[in-house]
Amino acid sequence: MSGEHLPLSNYDELSEKEIKHKLAVLQAGGSLNVEVLREHEKDNQNRKGIVSYLDKLEQGEVETPEEAIAPSPSAVPQTESKAGPTPGSSDNK
């Protein structure tokens, strides 16, 4: 299987730690095909830690990183401050 169909660009160049983190984020977003990645990993570098991690992801045994569940800054509504006195201040006469 070619790496061009994988959900992570440069998958084969990433470290095990980088892959695990990115996979957990993808899993939290619901866009991870564990079977495709497991097949690719076994057919290529066959890193036991990643294969085992994929098994755990599939079984729901991996905690989701905070940034995967926290809203992105662009998703948080921004409030605008209005110029002028605030209610109850001494400038409100």
PDB file of N, CA and C in Angstrom:
ATOM      1  N   MET A   1       0.837  -1.173   0.000  1.00  0.00           N
ATOM      2  CA  MET A   1       0.000   0.000   0.000  1.00  0.00           C
ATOM      3  C   MET A   1       0.882   1.236   0.000  1.00  0.00           C
ATOM      4  N   SER A   2       0.483   2.215  -0.741  1.00  0.00           N
ATOM      5  CA  SER A   2       1.237   3.450  -0.852  1.00  0.00           C
ATOM      6  C   SER A   2       0.882   4.395   0.284  1.00  0.00           C
ATOM      7  N   GLY A   3       1.862   5.166   0.750  1.00  0.00           N
ATOM      8  CA  GLY A   3       1.645   6.134   1.808  1.00  0.00           C
ATOM      9  C   GLY A   3       0.789   7.307   1.386  1.00  0.00           C
ATOM     10  N   GLU A   4       0.523   7.463   0.088  1.00  0.00           N
ATOM     11  CA  GLU A   4      -0.259   8.612  -0.371  1.00  0.00           C
ATOM     12  C   GLU A   4      -1.740   8.510  -0.003  1.00  0.00           C
ATOM     13  N   HIS A   5      -2.232   7.348   0.400  1.00  0.00           N
ATOM     14  CA  HIS A   5      -3.626   7.190   0.792  1.00  0.00           C
ATOM     15  C   HIS A   5      -3.800   7.197   2.305  1.00  0.00           C
ATOM     16  N   LEU A   6      -2.766   7.539   3.019  1.00  0.00           N
ATOM     17  CA  LEU A   6      -2.823   7.557   4.477  1.00  0.00           C
ATOM     18  C   LEU A   6      -3.303   8.921   4.967  1.00  0.00           C
ATOM     19  N   PRO A   7      -3.952   8.963   6.139  1.00  0.00           N
ATOM     20  CA  PRO A   7      -4.479  10.232   6.641  1.00  0.00           C
ATOM     21  C   PRO A   7      -3.411  11.186   7.183  1.00  0.00           C
ATOM     22  N   LEU A   8      -2.176  10.730   7.272  1.00  0.00           N
ATOM     23  CA  LEU A   8      -1.081  11.575   7.743  1.00  0.00           C
ATOM     24  C   LEU A   8      -0.061  11.750   6.629  1.00  0.00           C
ATOM     25  N   SER A   9       0.209  12.997   6.291  1.00  0.00           N
ATOM     26  CA  SER A   9       1.250  13.212   5.282  1.00  0.00           C
ATOM     27  C   SER A   9       2.600  12.860   5.893  1.00  0.00           C
ATOM     28  N   ASN A  10       3.483  12.343   5.095  1.00  0.00           N
ATOM     29  CA  ASN A  10       4.821  11.927   5.531  1.00  0.00           C
ATOM     30  C   ASN A  10       4.778  10.891   6.657  1.00  0.00           C
ATOM     31  N   TYR A  11       3.779  10.049   6.652  1.00  0.00           N
ATOM     32  CA  TYR A  11       3.593   9.051   7.705  1.00  0.00           C
ATOM     33  C   TYR A  11       4.874   8.275   7.982  1.00  0.00           C
ATOM     34  N   ASP A  12       5.520   7.801   6.935  1.00  0.00           N
ATOM     35  CA  ASP A  12       6.694   6.945   7.115  1.00  0.00           C
ATOM     36  C   ASP A  12       7.907   7.692   7.673  1.00  0.00           C
ATOM     37  N   GLU A  13       7.890   9.027   7.613  1.00  0.00           N
ATOM     38  CA  GLU A  13       9.006   9.807   8.142  1.00  0.00           C
ATOM     39  C   GLU A  13       8.763  10.274   9.577  1.00  0.00           C
ATOM     40  N   LEU A  14       7.539  10.118  10.070  1.00  0.00           N
ATOM     41  CA  LEU A  14       7.220  10.580  11.415  1.00  0.00           C
ATOM     42  C   LEU A  14       7.751   9.613  12.468  1.00  0.00           C
ATOM     43  N   SER A  15       8.066  10.171  13.642  1.00  0.00           N
ATOM     44  CA  SER A  15       8.496   9.324  14.755  1.00  0.00           C
ATOM     45  C   SER A  15       7.283   8.605  15.342  1.00  0.00           C
ATOM     46  N   GLU A  16       7.537   7.595  16.121  1.00  0.00           N
ATOM     47  CA  GLU A  16       6.451   6.850  16.753  1.00  0.00           C
ATOM     48  C   GLU A  16       5.622   7.773  17.641  1.00  0.00           C
ATOM     49  N   LYS A  17       6.278   8.641  18.382  1.00  0.00           N
ATOM     50  CA  LYS A  17       5.579   9.573  19.264  1.00  0.00           C
ATOM     51  C   LYS A  17       4.678  10.521  18.457  1.00  0.00           C
ATOM     52  N   GLU A  18       5.192  11.055  17.353  1.00  0.00           N
ATOM     53  CA  GLU A  18       4.402  11.953  16.508  1.00  0.00           C
ATOM     54  C   GLU A  18       3.185  11.232  15.931  1.00  0.00           C
ATOM     55  N   ILE A  19       3.398  10.014  15.479  1.00  0.00           N
ATOM     56  CA  ILE A  19       2.301   9.236  14.891  1.00  0.00           C
ATOM     57  C   ILE A  19       1.226   8.962  15.932  1.00  0.00           C
ATOM     58  N   LYS A  20       1.615   8.544  17.110  1.00  0.00           N
ATOM     59  CA  LYS A  20       0.641   8.225  18.154  1.00  0.00           C
ATOM     60  C   LYS A  20      -0.208   9.445  18.492  1.00  0.00           C
ATOM     61  N   HIS A  21       0.423  10.579  18.624  1.00  0.00           N
ATOM     62  CA  HIS A  21      -0.309  11.799  18.954  1.00  0.00           C
ATOM     63  C   HIS A  21      -1.289  12.159  17.843  1.00  0.00           C
ATOM     64  N   LYS A  22      -0.835  12.149  16.616  1.00  0.00           N
ATOM     65  CA  LYS A  22      -1.686  12.519  15.486  1.00  0.00           C
ATOM     66  C   LYS A  22      -2.827  11.518  15.290  1.00  0.00           C
ATOM     67  N   LEU A  23      -2.560  10.256  15.525  1.00  0.00           N
ATOM     68  CA  LEU A  23      -3.604   9.246  15.391  1.00  0.00           C
ATOM     69  C   LEU A  23      -4.698   9.433  16.436  1.00  0.00           C
ATOM     70  N   ALA A  24      -4.309   9.780  17.655  1.00  0.00           N
ATOM     71  CA  ALA A  24      -5.300  10.011  18.705  1.00  0.00           C
ATOM     72  C   ALA A  24      -6.190  11.199  18.358  1.00  0.00           C
ATOM     73  N   VAL A  25      -5.601  12.232  17.772  1.00  0.00           N
ATOM     74  CA  VAL A  25      -6.378  13.402  17.357  1.00  0.00           C
ATOM     75  C   VAL A  25      -7.349  13.023  16.245  1.00  0.00           C
ATOM     76  N   LEU A  26      -6.867  12.266  15.256  1.00  0.00           N
ATOM     77  CA  LEU A  26      -7.740  11.822  14.160  1.00  0.00           C
ATOM     78  C   LEU A  26      -8.863  10.929  14.680  1.00  0.00           C
ATOM     79  N   GLN A  27      -8.537  10.042  15.609  1.00  0.00           N
ATOM     80  CA  GLN A  27      -9.536   9.136  16.169  1.00  0.00           C
ATOM     81  C   GLN A  27     -10.614   9.941  16.893  1.00  0.00           C
ATOM     82  N   ALA A  28     -10.205  10.960  17.633  1.00  0.00           N
ATOM     83  CA  ALA A  28     -11.172  11.793  18.352  1.00  0.00           C
ATOM     84  C   ALA A  28     -12.098  12.517  17.385  1.00  0.00           C
ATOM     85  N   GLY A  29     -11.568  12.868  16.221  1.00  0.00           N
ATOM     86  CA  GLY A  29     -12.374  13.538  15.215  1.00  0.00           C
ATOM     87  C   GLY A  29     -13.200  12.589  14.363  1.00  0.00           C
ATOM     88  N   GLY A  30     -13.025  11.294  14.579  1.00  0.00           N
ATOM     89  CA  GLY A  30     -13.805  10.296  13.851  1.00  0.00           C
ATOM     90  C   GLY A  30     -13.344  10.068  12.419  1.00  0.00           C
ATOM     91  N   SER A  31     -12.132  10.498  12.096  1.00  0.00           N
ATOM     92  CA  SER A  31     -11.676  10.360  10.709  1.00  0.00           C
ATOM     93  C   SER A  31     -10.462   9.441  10.576  1.00  0.00           C
ATOM     94  N   LEU A  32     -10.447   8.375  11.348  1.00  0.00           N
ATOM     95  CA  LEU A  32      -9.302   7.467  11.310  1.00  0.00           C
ATOM     96  C   LEU A  32      -9.747   6.078  10.891  1.00  0.00           C
ATOM     97  N   ASN A  33      -9.100   5.552   9.847  1.00  0.00           N
ATOM     98  CA  ASN A  33      -9.346   4.182   9.405  1.00  0.00           C
ATOM     99  C   ASN A  33      -8.190   3.334   9.926  1.00  0.00           C
ATOM    100  N   VAL A  34      -8.403   2.728  11.078  1.00  0.00           N
ATOM    101  CA  VAL A  34      -7.356   1.974  11.756  1.00  0.00           C
ATOM    102  C   VAL A  34      -6.870   0.802  10.914  1.00  0.00           C
ATOM    103  N   GLU A  35      -7.769   0.124  10.226  1.00  0.00           N
ATOM    104  CA  GLU A  35      -7.383  -1.056   9.443  1.00  0.00           C
ATOM    105  C   GLU A  35      -6.384  -0.698   8.342  1.00  0.00           C
ATOM    106  N   VAL A  36      -6.622   0.423   7.665  1.00  0.00           N
ATOM    107  CA  VAL A  36      -5.720   0.850   6.587  1.00  0.00           C
ATOM    108  C   VAL A  36      -4.338   1.156   7.141  1.00  0.00           C
ATOM    109  N   LEU A  37      -4.293   1.869   8.249  1.00  0.00           N
ATOM    110  CA  LEU A  37      -2.996   2.205   8.847  1.00  0.00           C
ATOM    111  C   LEU A  37      -2.271   0.969   9.366  1.00  0.00           C
ATOM    112  N   ARG A  38      -3.016   0.075  10.012  1.00  0.00           N
ATOM    113  CA  ARG A  38      -2.382  -1.147  10.534  1.00  0.00           C
ATOM    114  C   ARG A  38      -1.767  -1.952   9.395  1.00  0.00           C
ATOM    115  N   GLU A  39      -2.500  -2.097   8.299  1.00  0.00           N
ATOM    116  CA  GLU A  39      -1.987  -2.839   7.143  1.00  0.00           C
ATOM    117  C   GLU A  39      -0.729  -2.176   6.587  1.00  0.00           C
ATOM    118  N   HIS A  40      -0.779  -0.855   6.461  1.00  0.00           N
ATOM    119  CA  HIS A  40       0.386  -0.134   5.942  1.00  0.00           C
ATOM    120  C   HIS A  40       1.590  -0.311   6.867  1.00  0.00           C
ATOM    121  N   GLU A  41       1.368  -0.151   8.168  1.00  0.00           N
ATOM    122  CA  GLU A  41       2.467  -0.259   9.134  1.00  0.00           C
ATOM    123  C   GLU A  41       3.065  -1.665   9.108  1.00  0.00           C
ATOM    124  N   LYS A  42       2.227  -2.693   9.089  1.00  0.00           N
ATOM    125  CA  LYS A  42       2.734  -4.070   9.072  1.00  0.00           C
ATOM    126  C   LYS A  42       3.486  -4.375   7.782  1.00  0.00           C
ATOM    127  N   ASP A  43       3.028  -3.827   6.659  1.00  0.00           N
ATOM    128  CA  ASP A  43       3.669  -4.084   5.366  1.00  0.00           C
ATOM    129  C   ASP A  43       4.940  -3.278   5.157  1.00  0.00           C
ATOM    130  N   ASN A  44       5.158  -2.251   5.976  1.00  0.00           N
ATOM    131  CA  ASN A  44       6.314  -1.392   5.774  1.00  0.00           C
ATOM    132  C   ASN A  44       7.276  -1.461   6.954  1.00  0.00           C
ATOM    133  N   GLN A  45       7.208  -0.530   7.872  1.00  0.00           N
ATOM    134  CA  GLN A  45       8.173  -0.490   8.964  1.00  0.00           C
ATOM    135  C   GLN A  45       7.872  -1.484  10.081  1.00  0.00           C
ATOM    136  N   ASN A  46       6.612  -1.882  10.203  1.00  0.00           N
ATOM    137  CA  ASN A  46       6.190  -2.876  11.187  1.00  0.00           C
ATOM    138  C   ASN A  46       6.689  -2.567  12.600  1.00  0.00           C
ATOM    139  N   ARG A  47       6.462  -1.305  13.007  1.00  0.00           N
ATOM    140  CA  ARG A  47       6.854  -0.891  14.359  1.00  0.00           C
ATOM    141  C   ARG A  47       5.826  -1.449  15.344  1.00  0.00           C
ATOM    142  N   LYS A  48       6.294  -2.326  16.208  1.00  0.00           N
ATOM    143  CA  LYS A  48       5.406  -3.017  17.151  1.00  0.00           C
ATOM    144  C   LYS A  48       4.638  -2.039  18.028  1.00  0.00           C
ATOM    145  N   GLY A  49       5.284  -0.946  18.443  1.00  0.00           N
ATOM    146  CA  GLY A  49       4.618   0.044  19.289  1.00  0.00           C
ATOM    147  C   GLY A  49       3.439   0.700  18.583  1.00  0.00           C
ATOM    148  N   ILE A  50       3.569   0.964  17.295  1.00  0.00           N
ATOM    149  CA  ILE A  50       2.480   1.590  16.544  1.00  0.00           C
ATOM    150  C   ILE A  50       1.374   0.586  16.268  1.00  0.00           C
ATOM    151  N   VAL A  51       1.731  -0.634  15.904  1.00  0.00           N
ATOM    152  CA  VAL A  51       0.712  -1.660  15.662  1.00  0.00           C
ATOM    153  C   VAL A  51      -0.102  -1.885  16.935  1.00  0.00           C
ATOM    154  N   SER A  52       0.564  -1.979  18.062  1.00  0.00           N
ATOM    155  CA  SER A  52      -0.114  -2.156  19.343  1.00  0.00           C
ATOM    156  C   SER A  52      -0.996  -0.953  19.660  1.00  0.00           C
ATOM    157  N   TYR A  53      -0.492   0.246  19.384  1.00  0.00           N
ATOM    158  CA  TYR A  53      -1.248   1.470  19.632  1.00  0.00           C
ATOM    159  C   TYR A  53      -2.506   1.517  18.768  1.00  0.00           C
ATOM    160  N   LEU A  54      -2.394   1.105  17.521  1.00  0.00           N
ATOM    161  CA  LEU A  54      -3.558   1.063  16.636  1.00  0.00           C
ATOM    162  C   LEU A  54      -4.609   0.098  17.178  1.00  0.00           C
ATOM    163  N   ASP A  55      -4.169  -1.028  17.712  1.00  0.00           N
ATOM    164  CA  ASP A  55      -5.103  -1.979  18.324  1.00  0.00           C
ATOM    165  C   ASP A  55      -5.839  -1.329  19.497  1.00  0.00           C
ATOM    166  N   LYS A  56      -5.084  -0.610  20.330  1.00  0.00           N
ATOM    167  CA  LYS A  56      -5.686   0.059  21.486  1.00  0.00           C
ATOM    168  C   LYS A  56      -6.647   1.163  21.059  1.00  0.00           C
ATOM    169  N   LEU A  57      -6.279   1.911  20.026  1.00  0.00           N
ATOM    170  CA  LEU A  57      -7.172   2.953  19.505  1.00  0.00           C
ATOM    171  C   LEU A  57      -8.489   2.347  19.053  1.00  0.00           C
ATOM    172  N   GLU A  58      -8.395   1.260  18.344  1.00  0.00           N
ATOM    173  CA  GLU A  58      -9.589   0.606  17.806  1.00  0.00           C
ATOM    174  C   GLU A  58     -10.504   0.110  18.934  1.00  0.00           C
ATOM    175  N   GLN A  59      -9.897  -0.287  20.033  1.00  0.00           N
ATOM    176  CA  GLN A  59     -10.666  -0.805  21.163  1.00  0.00           C
ATOM    177  C   GLN A  59     -11.083   0.301  22.138  1.00  0.00           C
ATOM    178  N   GLY A  60     -10.721   1.554  21.834  1.00  0.00           N
ATOM    179  CA  GLY A  60     -11.087   2.681  22.687  1.00  0.00           C
ATOM    180  C   GLY A  60     -10.309   2.755  23.981  1.00  0.00           C
ATOM    181  N   GLU A  61      -9.094   2.230  23.981  1.00  0.00           N
ATOM    182  CA  GLU A  61      -8.282   2.196  25.200  1.00  0.00           C
ATOM    183  C   GLU A  61      -7.255   3.321  25.266  1.00  0.00           C
ATOM    184  N   VAL A  62      -7.369   4.327  24.399  1.00  0.00           N
ATOM    185  CA  VAL A  62      -6.405   5.426  24.370  1.00  0.00           C
ATOM    186  C   VAL A  62      -7.124   6.714  24.730  1.00  0.00           C
ATOM    187  N   GLU A  63      -6.540   7.478  25.657  1.00  0.00           N
ATOM    188  CA  GLU A  63      -7.129   8.756  26.023  1.00  0.00           C
ATOM    189  C   GLU A  63      -6.901   9.761  24.912  1.00  0.00           C
ATOM    190  N   THR A  64      -7.874  10.626  24.729  1.00  0.00           N
ATOM    191  CA  THR A  64      -7.810  11.645  23.689  1.00  0.00           C
ATOM    192  C   THR A  64      -6.997  12.838  24.178  1.00  0.00           C
ATOM    193  N   PRO A  65      -6.050  13.320  23.367  1.00  0.00           N
ATOM    194  CA  PRO A  65      -5.287  14.504  23.769  1.00  0.00           C
ATOM    195  C   PRO A  65      -6.215  15.714  23.922  1.00  0.00           C
ATOM    196  N   GLU A  66      -5.880  16.629  24.810  1.00  0.00           N
ATOM    197  CA  GLU A  66      -6.699  17.806  25.080  1.00  0.00           C
ATOM    198  C   GLU A  66      -7.025  18.607  23.822  1.00  0.00           C
ATOM    199  N   GLU A  67      -6.046  18.831  22.947  1.00  0.00           N
ATOM    200  CA  GLU A  67      -6.309  19.662  21.770  1.00  0.00           C
ATOM    201  C   GLU A  67      -7.275  19.017  20.795  1.00  0.00           C
ATOM    202  N   ALA A  68      -7.491  17.728  20.939  1.00  0.00           N
ATOM    203  CA  ALA A  68      -8.447  17.047  20.062  1.00  0.00           C
ATOM    204  C   ALA A  68      -9.882  17.297  20.508  1.00  0.00           C
ATOM    205  N   ILE A  69     -10.073  17.593  21.792  1.00  0.00           N
ATOM    206  CA  ILE A  69     -11.425  17.799  22.282  1.00  0.00           C
ATOM    207  C   ILE A  69     -11.712  19.261  22.608  1.00  0.00           C
ATOM    208  N   ALA A  70     -10.674  20.080  22.747  1.00  0.00           N
ATOM    209  CA  ALA A  70     -10.877  21.498  23.015  1.00  0.00           C
ATOM    210  C   ALA A  70     -11.253  22.210  21.721  1.00  0.00           C
ATOM    211  N   PRO A  71     -12.153  23.181  21.792  1.00  0.00           N
ATOM    212  CA  PRO A  71     -12.509  23.898  20.564  1.00  0.00           C
ATOM    213  C   PRO A  71     -11.325  24.697  20.055  1.00  0.00           C
ATOM    214  N   SER A  72     -11.225  24.805  18.749  1.00  0.00           N
ATOM    215  CA  SER A  72     -10.146  25.596  18.170  1.00  0.00           C
ATOM    216  C   SER A  72     -10.421  27.062  18.451  1.00  0.00           C
ATOM    217  N   PRO A  73      -9.400  27.905  18.493  1.00  0.00           N
ATOM    218  CA  PRO A  73      -9.621  29.325  18.781  1.00  0.00           C
ATOM    219  C   PRO A  73     -10.616  29.965  17.823  1.00  0.00           C
ATOM    220  N   SER A  74     -10.654  29.529  16.583  1.00  0.00           N
ATOM    221  CA  SER A  74     -11.581  30.107  15.621  1.00  0.00           C
ATOM    222  C   SER A  74     -13.022  29.690  15.899  1.00  0.00           C
ATOM    223  N   ALA A  75     -13.227  28.631  16.665  1.00  0.00           N
ATOM    224  CA  ALA A  75     -14.578  28.160  16.966  1.00  0.00           C
ATOM    225  C   ALA A  75     -15.161  28.831  18.200  1.00  0.00           C
ATOM    226  N   VAL A  76     -14.324  29.522  18.967  1.00  0.00           N
ATOM    227  CA  VAL A  76     -14.782  30.195  20.171  1.00  0.00           C
ATOM    228  C   VAL A  76     -15.237  31.595  19.790  1.00  0.00           C
ATOM    229  N   PRO A  77     -16.506  31.951  20.109  1.00  0.00           N
ATOM    230  CA  PRO A  77     -16.988  33.288  19.744  1.00  0.00           C
ATOM    231  C   PRO A  77     -16.187  34.369  20.445  1.00  0.00           C
ATOM    232  N   GLN A  78     -15.868  35.381  19.708  1.00  0.00           N
ATOM    233  CA  GLN A  78     -15.127  36.512  20.244  1.00  0.00           C
ATOM    234  C   GLN A  78     -16.113  37.591  20.646  1.00  0.00           C
ATOM    235  N   THR A  79     -15.903  38.199  21.810  1.00  0.00           N
ATOM    236  CA  THR A  79     -16.765  39.295  22.232  1.00  0.00           C
ATOM    237  C   THR A  79     -16.023  40.596  21.994  1.00  0.00           C
ATOM    238  N   GLU A  80     -16.758  41.567  21.535  1.00  0.00           N
ATOM    239  CA  GLU A  80     -16.147  42.868  21.299  1.00  0.00           C
ATOM    240  C   GLU A  80     -16.421  43.737  22.503  1.00  0.00           C
ATOM    241  N   SER A  81     -15.409  44.492  22.896  1.00  0.00           N
ATOM    242  CA  SER A  81     -15.627  45.422  23.991  1.00  0.00           C
ATOM    243  C   SER A  81     -16.109  46.738  23.403  1.00  0.00           C
ATOM    244  N   LYS A  82     -17.077  47.333  24.060  1.00  0.00           N
ATOM    245  CA  LYS A  82     -17.620  48.601  23.602  1.00  0.00           C
ATOM    246  C   LYS A  82     -16.911  49.720  24.337  1.00  0.00           C
ATOM    247  N   ALA A  83     -16.603  50.751  23.603  1.00  0.00           N
ATOM    248  CA  ALA A  83     -15.971  51.913  24.223  1.00  0.00           C
ATOM    249  C   ALA A  83     -17.019  52.669  25.023  1.00  0.00           C
ATOM    250  N   GLY A  84     -16.620  53.260  26.089  1.00  0.00           N
ATOM    251  CA  GLY A  84     -17.538  54.050  26.877  1.00  0.00           C
ATOM    252  C   GLY A  84     -17.582  53.548  28.303  1.00  0.00           C
ATOM    253  N   PRO A  85     -18.323  54.247  29.110  1.00  0.00           N
ATOM    254  CA  PRO A  85     -18.375  53.869  30.537  1.00  0.00           C
ATOM    255  C   PRO A  85     -19.130  52.563  30.732  1.00  0.00           C
ATOM    256  N   THR A  86     -18.752  51.862  31.764  1.00  0.00           N
ATOM    257  CA  THR A  86     -19.428  50.623  32.087  1.00  0.00           C
ATOM    258  C   THR A  86     -20.578  50.934  33.034  1.00  0.00           C
ATOM    259  N   PRO A  87     -21.641  50.164  32.984  1.00  0.00           N
ATOM    260  CA  PRO A  87     -22.771  50.427  33.887  1.00  0.00           C
ATOM    261  C   PRO A  87     -22.309  50.400  35.338  1.00  0.00           C
ATOM    262  N   GLY A  88     -22.796  51.358  36.105  1.00  0.00           N
ATOM    263  CA  GLY A  88     -22.446  51.418  37.520  1.00  0.00           C
ATOM    264  C   GLY A  88     -21.162  52.174  37.801  1.00  0.00           C
ATOM    265  N   SER A  89     -20.457  52.626  36.767  1.00  0.00           N
ATOM    266  CA  SER A  89     -19.215  53.359  37.010  1.00  0.00           C
ATOM    267  C   SER A  89     -19.522  54.797  37.315  1.00  0.00           C
ATOM    268  N   SER A  90     -18.578  55.518  37.856  1.00  0.00           N
ATOM    269  CA  SER A  90     -18.774  56.924  38.232  1.00  0.00           C
ATOM    270  C   SER A  90     -18.904  57.814  37.001  1.00  0.00           C
ATOM    271  N   ASP A  91     -18.531  57.313  35.816  1.00  0.00           N
ATOM    272  CA  ASP A  91     -18.645  58.095  34.590  1.00  0.00           C
ATOM    273  C   ASP A  91     -20.070  58.083  34.053  1.00  0.00           C
ATOM    274  N   ASN A  92     -20.937  57.267  34.586  1.00  0.00           N
ATOM    275  CA  ASN A  92     -22.311  57.161  34.130  1.00  0.00           C
ATOM    276  C   ASN A  92     -23.191  58.168  34.885  1.00  0.00           C
ATOM    277  N   LYS A  93     -23.307  59.364  34.377  1.00  0.00           N
ATOM    278  CA  LYS A  93     -24.061  60.382  35.099  1.00  0.00           C
ATOM    279  C   LYS A  93     -25.314  60.716  34.355  1.00  0.00           C
TER     280      LYS A  93
END
